[in-house]
Amino acid sequence: MKIRLASLQNGFNRWLETIEPSELELSPDHFDSSLEVGLTAEITGGRVTLQITVTTPGHFECDRCGNFFRQSIAGACSVMFIKRDEALPDEMPGDDLRTFLPGQDELDITVDVRDAMLLAMPMRLLCREECRGLCPRCGVNLNTESCNCQVNAAP
């Protein structure tokens, strides 16, 4: 995802864009809907400060019971671009502070948007917080059925 510098005015600029998951190399198994990207750019002198928000529904498998569910994922990040005559030697895409060169006409924020989305995903994907999961003995989904197993407590 790229931002054309010529389209920005000094001061604050706000806009929304819609992009497809494939543009960020997100798995179509999990992300099958468009992503909404909110951008706020503050332009002052040779500095561009970006606030990025990204939201989309995702399709996931519960880590406890194995059922599939949809959940909205929302992430955010900030990036600052500073105009310099040359990039810093150890500068990488995805860094919070980056260089843009004189004459450069666009800023690539693809990595930033993708990282914001992936970092917003929960470590444990649960269909709901109170999911009871599967019986460790017979494998029945305890959210929808009961079982008669006697699970022994550890001594």
C-alpha atoms as a PDB file:
ATOM      1  CA  MET A   1       0.000   0.000   0.000  1.00  0.00           C
ATOM      2  CA  LYS A   2       1.502   3.279  -1.083  1.00  0.00           C
ATOM      3  CA  ILE A   3       0.772   6.906  -0.266  1.00  0.00           C
ATOM      4  CA  ARG A   4       1.430   9.516  -2.940  1.00  0.00           C
ATOM      5  CA  LEU A   5       3.182  12.470  -1.296  1.00  0.00           C
ATOM      6  CA  ALA A   6       1.788  14.920  -3.893  1.00  0.00           C
ATOM      7  CA  SER A   7      -1.748  14.139  -2.672  1.00  0.00           C
ATOM      8  CA  LEU A   8      -0.939  15.339   0.865  1.00  0.00           C
ATOM      9  CA  GLN A   9      -1.185  18.925   2.084  1.00  0.00           C
ATOM     10  CA  ASN A  10       0.755  20.520   4.944  1.00  0.00           C
ATOM     11  CA  GLY A  11      -0.991  19.957   8.265  1.00  0.00           C
ATOM     12  CA  PHE A  12      -3.396  17.090   8.949  1.00  0.00           C
ATOM     13  CA  ASN A  13      -4.779  14.786   6.252  1.00  0.00           C
ATOM     14  CA  ARG A  14      -7.353  12.081   7.050  1.00  0.00           C
ATOM     15  CA  TRP A  15      -8.828   9.453   4.759  1.00  0.00           C
ATOM     16  CA  LEU A  16     -10.031   5.849   4.513  1.00  0.00           C
ATOM     17  CA  GLU A  17      -8.950   3.244   2.007  1.00  0.00           C
ATOM     18  CA  THR A  18     -10.227  -0.243   1.312  1.00  0.00           C
ATOM     19  CA  ILE A  19      -7.739  -2.924   0.285  1.00  0.00           C
ATOM     20  CA  GLU A  20      -7.917  -6.632  -0.383  1.00  0.00           C
ATOM     21  CA  PRO A  21      -6.160  -9.158   1.905  1.00  0.00           C
ATOM     22  CA  SER A  22      -4.081 -10.387  -1.043  1.00  0.00           C
ATOM     23  CA  GLU A  23      -2.387  -6.946  -1.243  1.00  0.00           C
ATOM     24  CA  LEU A  24      -0.927  -7.660   2.213  1.00  0.00           C
ATOM     25  CA  GLU A  25      -0.283 -11.359   1.552  1.00  0.00           C
ATOM     26  CA  LEU A  26      -2.793 -12.309   4.266  1.00  0.00           C
ATOM     27  CA  SER A  27      -4.161 -15.853   4.141  1.00  0.00           C
ATOM     28  CA  PRO A  28      -7.492 -16.092   2.291  1.00  0.00           C
ATOM     29  CA  ASP A  29      -8.365 -18.910   4.723  1.00  0.00           C
ATOM     30  CA  HIS A  30      -8.520 -16.354   7.542  1.00  0.00           C
ATOM     31  CA  PHE A  31      -9.210 -13.080   5.751  1.00  0.00           C
ATOM     32  CA  ASP A  32     -11.826 -13.222   3.005  1.00  0.00           C
ATOM     33  CA  SER A  33     -13.198  -9.661   3.279  1.00  0.00           C
ATOM     34  CA  SER A  34     -11.743  -6.275   2.415  1.00  0.00           C
ATOM     35  CA  LEU A  35      -9.720  -4.409   5.029  1.00  0.00           C
ATOM     36  CA  GLU A  36     -10.563  -0.853   5.980  1.00  0.00           C
ATOM     37  CA  VAL A  37      -7.457   1.245   6.522  1.00  0.00           C
ATOM     38  CA  GLY A  38      -7.805   4.611   8.288  1.00  0.00           C
ATOM     39  CA  LEU A  39      -4.927   7.010   7.797  1.00  0.00           C
ATOM     40  CA  THR A  40      -4.005  10.279   9.465  1.00  0.00           C
ATOM     41  CA  ALA A  41      -0.941  12.014   8.084  1.00  0.00           C
ATOM     42  CA  GLU A  42       0.604  15.089   9.653  1.00  0.00           C
ATOM     43  CA  ILE A  43       2.922  16.897   7.268  1.00  0.00           C
ATOM     44  CA  THR A  44       5.341  19.412   8.790  1.00  0.00           C
ATOM     45  CA  GLY A  45       8.495  20.527   7.002  1.00  0.00           C
ATOM     46  CA  GLY A  46      10.454  17.449   6.027  1.00  0.00           C
ATOM     47  CA  ARG A  47       8.516  15.090   8.275  1.00  0.00           C
ATOM     48  CA  VAL A  48       5.469  12.874   7.623  1.00  0.00           C
ATOM     49  CA  THR A  49       3.880  11.292  10.710  1.00  0.00           C
ATOM     50  CA  LEU A  50       1.336   8.567   9.964  1.00  0.00           C
ATOM     51  CA  GLN A  51      -1.255   7.058  12.297  1.00  0.00           C
ATOM     52  CA  ILE A  52      -2.627   3.866  10.748  1.00  0.00           C
ATOM     53  CA  THR A  53      -5.659   1.850  11.831  1.00  0.00           C
ATOM     54  CA  VAL A  54      -6.806  -1.315  10.098  1.00  0.00           C
ATOM     55  CA  THR A  55      -9.953  -3.402  10.656  1.00  0.00           C
ATOM     56  CA  THR A  56     -11.473  -6.461   9.031  1.00  0.00           C
ATOM     57  CA  PRO A  57     -13.472  -9.532   9.957  1.00  0.00           C
ATOM     58  CA  GLY A  58     -11.523 -12.760  10.129  1.00  0.00           C
ATOM     59  CA  HIS A  59     -12.528 -16.428   9.903  1.00  0.00           C
ATOM     60  CA  PHE A  60     -10.786 -18.590  12.506  1.00  0.00           C
ATOM     61  CA  GLU A  61     -10.832 -21.999  14.188  1.00  0.00           C
ATOM     62  CA  CYS A  62     -11.276 -22.013  17.964  1.00  0.00           C
ATOM     63  CA  ASP A  63      -8.171 -23.243  19.810  1.00  0.00           C
ATOM     64  CA  ARG A  64     -10.323 -25.005  22.436  1.00  0.00           C
ATOM     65  CA  CYS A  65     -13.245 -26.631  20.613  1.00  0.00           C
ATOM     66  CA  GLY A  66     -12.260 -26.566  16.936  1.00  0.00           C
ATOM     67  CA  ASN A  67     -15.412 -24.731  15.796  1.00  0.00           C
ATOM     68  CA  PHE A  68     -15.064 -22.057  13.138  1.00  0.00           C
ATOM     69  CA  PHE A  69     -16.094 -18.485  14.003  1.00  0.00           C
ATOM     70  CA  ARG A  70     -15.858 -14.927  12.688  1.00  0.00           C
ATOM     71  CA  GLN A  71     -14.238 -12.161  14.701  1.00  0.00           C
ATOM     72  CA  SER A  72     -13.369  -8.563  13.898  1.00  0.00           C
ATOM     73  CA  ILE A  73      -9.671  -7.744  14.138  1.00  0.00           C
ATOM     74  CA  ALA A  74      -8.515  -4.137  14.627  1.00  0.00           C
ATOM     75  CA  GLY A  75      -4.911  -2.979  14.767  1.00  0.00           C
ATOM     76  CA  ALA A  76      -3.012   0.289  14.795  1.00  0.00           C
ATOM     77  CA  CYS A  77       0.509   1.639  14.409  1.00  0.00           C
ATOM     78  CA  SER A  78       2.462   4.862  13.956  1.00  0.00           C
ATOM     79  CA  VAL A  79       5.259   5.549  11.501  1.00  0.00           C
ATOM     80  CA  MET A  80       7.375   8.651  10.974  1.00  0.00           C
ATOM     81  CA  PHE A  81       9.154   9.414   7.711  1.00  0.00           C
ATOM     82  CA  ILE A  82      11.913  12.062   7.729  1.00  0.00           C
ATOM     83  CA  LYS A  83      13.298  13.638   4.574  1.00  0.00           C
ATOM     84  CA  ARG A  84      17.039  12.942   4.318  1.00  0.00           C
ATOM     85  CA  ASP A  85      19.592  12.923   1.539  1.00  0.00           C
ATOM     86  CA  GLU A  86      20.225   9.210   2.087  1.00  0.00           C
ATOM     87  CA  ALA A  87      18.674   6.352   4.045  1.00  0.00           C
ATOM     88  CA  LEU A  88      20.217   5.183   7.296  1.00  0.00           C
ATOM     89  CA  PRO A  89      22.404   2.092   6.767  1.00  0.00           C
ATOM     90  CA  ASP A  90      20.361  -0.239   8.986  1.00  0.00           C
ATOM     91  CA  GLU A  91      16.905   1.068   8.033  1.00  0.00           C
ATOM     92  CA  MET A  92      14.327  -1.617   7.187  1.00  0.00           C
ATOM     93  CA  PRO A  93      10.694  -1.654   5.995  1.00  0.00           C
ATOM     94  CA  GLY A  94       8.528  -1.815   9.101  1.00  0.00           C
ATOM     95  CA  ASP A  95      10.795   0.414  11.220  1.00  0.00           C
ATOM     96  CA  ASP A  96       8.916   3.108  13.166  1.00  0.00           C
ATOM     97  CA  LEU A  97      11.280   5.798  11.897  1.00  0.00           C
ATOM     98  CA  ARG A  98      12.214   5.813   8.218  1.00  0.00           C
ATOM     99  CA  THR A  99      13.720   8.028   5.560  1.00  0.00           C
ATOM    100  CA  PHE A 100      12.195   9.421   2.408  1.00  0.00           C
ATOM    101  CA  LEU A 101      14.516  10.918  -0.160  1.00  0.00           C
ATOM    102  CA  PRO A 102      14.241  14.243  -2.010  1.00  0.00           C
ATOM    103  CA  GLY A 103      12.272  13.599  -5.199  1.00  0.00           C
ATOM    104  CA  GLN A 104      10.607  10.477  -3.792  1.00  0.00           C
ATOM    105  CA  ASP A 105       6.925  10.618  -4.745  1.00  0.00           C
ATOM    106  CA  GLU A 106       5.395   7.881  -2.577  1.00  0.00           C
ATOM    107  CA  LEU A 107       5.705   6.147   0.803  1.00  0.00           C
ATOM    108  CA  ASP A 108       5.264   2.377   0.989  1.00  0.00           C
ATOM    109  CA  ILE A 109       3.386   1.365   4.151  1.00  0.00           C
ATOM    110  CA  THR A 110       2.430  -2.173   3.080  1.00  0.00           C
ATOM    111  CA  VAL A 111       4.567  -3.813   5.773  1.00  0.00           C
ATOM    112  CA  ASP A 112       3.207  -1.458   8.444  1.00  0.00           C
ATOM    113  CA  VAL A 113      -0.444  -2.181   7.618  1.00  0.00           C
ATOM    114  CA  ARG A 114       0.213  -5.946   7.476  1.00  0.00           C
ATOM    115  CA  ASP A 115       2.119  -5.931  10.779  1.00  0.00           C
ATOM    116  CA  ALA A 116      -0.622  -3.895  12.503  1.00  0.00           C
ATOM    117  CA  MET A 117      -3.185  -6.473  11.383  1.00  0.00           C
ATOM    118  CA  LEU A 118      -1.146  -9.527  12.409  1.00  0.00           C
ATOM    119  CA  LEU A 119      -0.067  -8.068  15.762  1.00  0.00           C
ATOM    120  CA  ALA A 120      -3.713  -7.343  16.625  1.00  0.00           C
ATOM    121  CA  MET A 121      -4.650 -11.020  16.382  1.00  0.00           C
ATOM    122  CA  PRO A 122      -5.082 -12.661  19.789  1.00  0.00           C
ATOM    123  CA  MET A 123      -2.533 -15.283  20.825  1.00  0.00           C
ATOM    124  CA  ARG A 124      -5.365 -17.725  21.552  1.00  0.00           C
ATOM    125  CA  LEU A 125      -8.216 -17.731  19.088  1.00  0.00           C
ATOM    126  CA  LEU A 126     -11.402 -18.495  21.021  1.00  0.00           C
ATOM    127  CA  CYS A 127     -14.954 -18.665  19.660  1.00  0.00           C
ATOM    128  CA  ARG A 128     -15.991 -17.058  22.950  1.00  0.00           C
ATOM    129  CA  GLU A 129     -14.181 -16.411  26.216  1.00  0.00           C
ATOM    130  CA  GLU A 130     -16.201 -19.013  28.143  1.00  0.00           C
ATOM    131  CA  CYS A 131     -15.619 -21.787  25.549  1.00  0.00           C
ATOM    132  CA  ARG A 132     -15.448 -25.120  27.410  1.00  0.00           C
ATOM    133  CA  GLY A 133     -13.487 -26.925  24.709  1.00  0.00           C
ATOM    134  CA  LEU A 134     -13.420 -30.676  24.130  1.00  0.00           C
ATOM    135  CA  CYS A 135     -13.557 -33.494  26.667  1.00  0.00           C
ATOM    136  CA  PRO A 136      -9.980 -34.791  26.954  1.00  0.00           C
ATOM    137  CA  ARG A 137     -11.231 -38.364  27.184  1.00  0.00           C
ATOM    138  CA  CYS A 138     -14.036 -38.787  24.618  1.00  0.00           C
ATOM    139  CA  GLY A 139     -13.578 -35.620  22.507  1.00  0.00           C
ATOM    140  CA  VAL A 140     -17.173 -34.366  22.730  1.00  0.00           C
ATOM    141  CA  ASN A 141     -17.640 -30.605  22.313  1.00  0.00           C
ATOM    142  CA  LEU A 142     -18.576 -29.515  25.856  1.00  0.00           C
ATOM    143  CA  ASN A 143     -20.222 -26.334  24.533  1.00  0.00           C
ATOM    144  CA  THR A 144     -22.967 -28.330  22.817  1.00  0.00           C
ATOM    145  CA  GLU A 145     -23.088 -31.695  24.630  1.00  0.00           C
ATOM    146  CA  SER A 146     -22.455 -33.322  27.974  1.00  0.00           C
ATOM    147  CA  CYS A 147     -20.428 -36.443  28.497  1.00  0.00           C
ATOM    148  CA  ASN A 148     -20.340 -39.087  31.233  1.00  0.00           C
ATOM    149  CA  CYS A 149     -16.573 -39.394  31.366  1.00  0.00           C
ATOM    150  CA  GLN A 150     -14.927 -39.381  34.760  1.00  0.00           C
ATOM    151  CA  VAL A 151     -11.821 -37.265  34.265  1.00  0.00           C
ATOM    152  CA  ASN A 152      -9.450 -38.146  37.103  1.00  0.00           C
ATOM    153  CA  ALA A 153      -7.941 -35.227  38.920  1.00  0.00           C
ATOM    154  CA  ALA A 154      -4.196 -35.350  39.370  1.00  0.00           C
ATOM    155  CA  PRO A 155      -3.185 -36.536  42.884  1.00  0.00           C
END
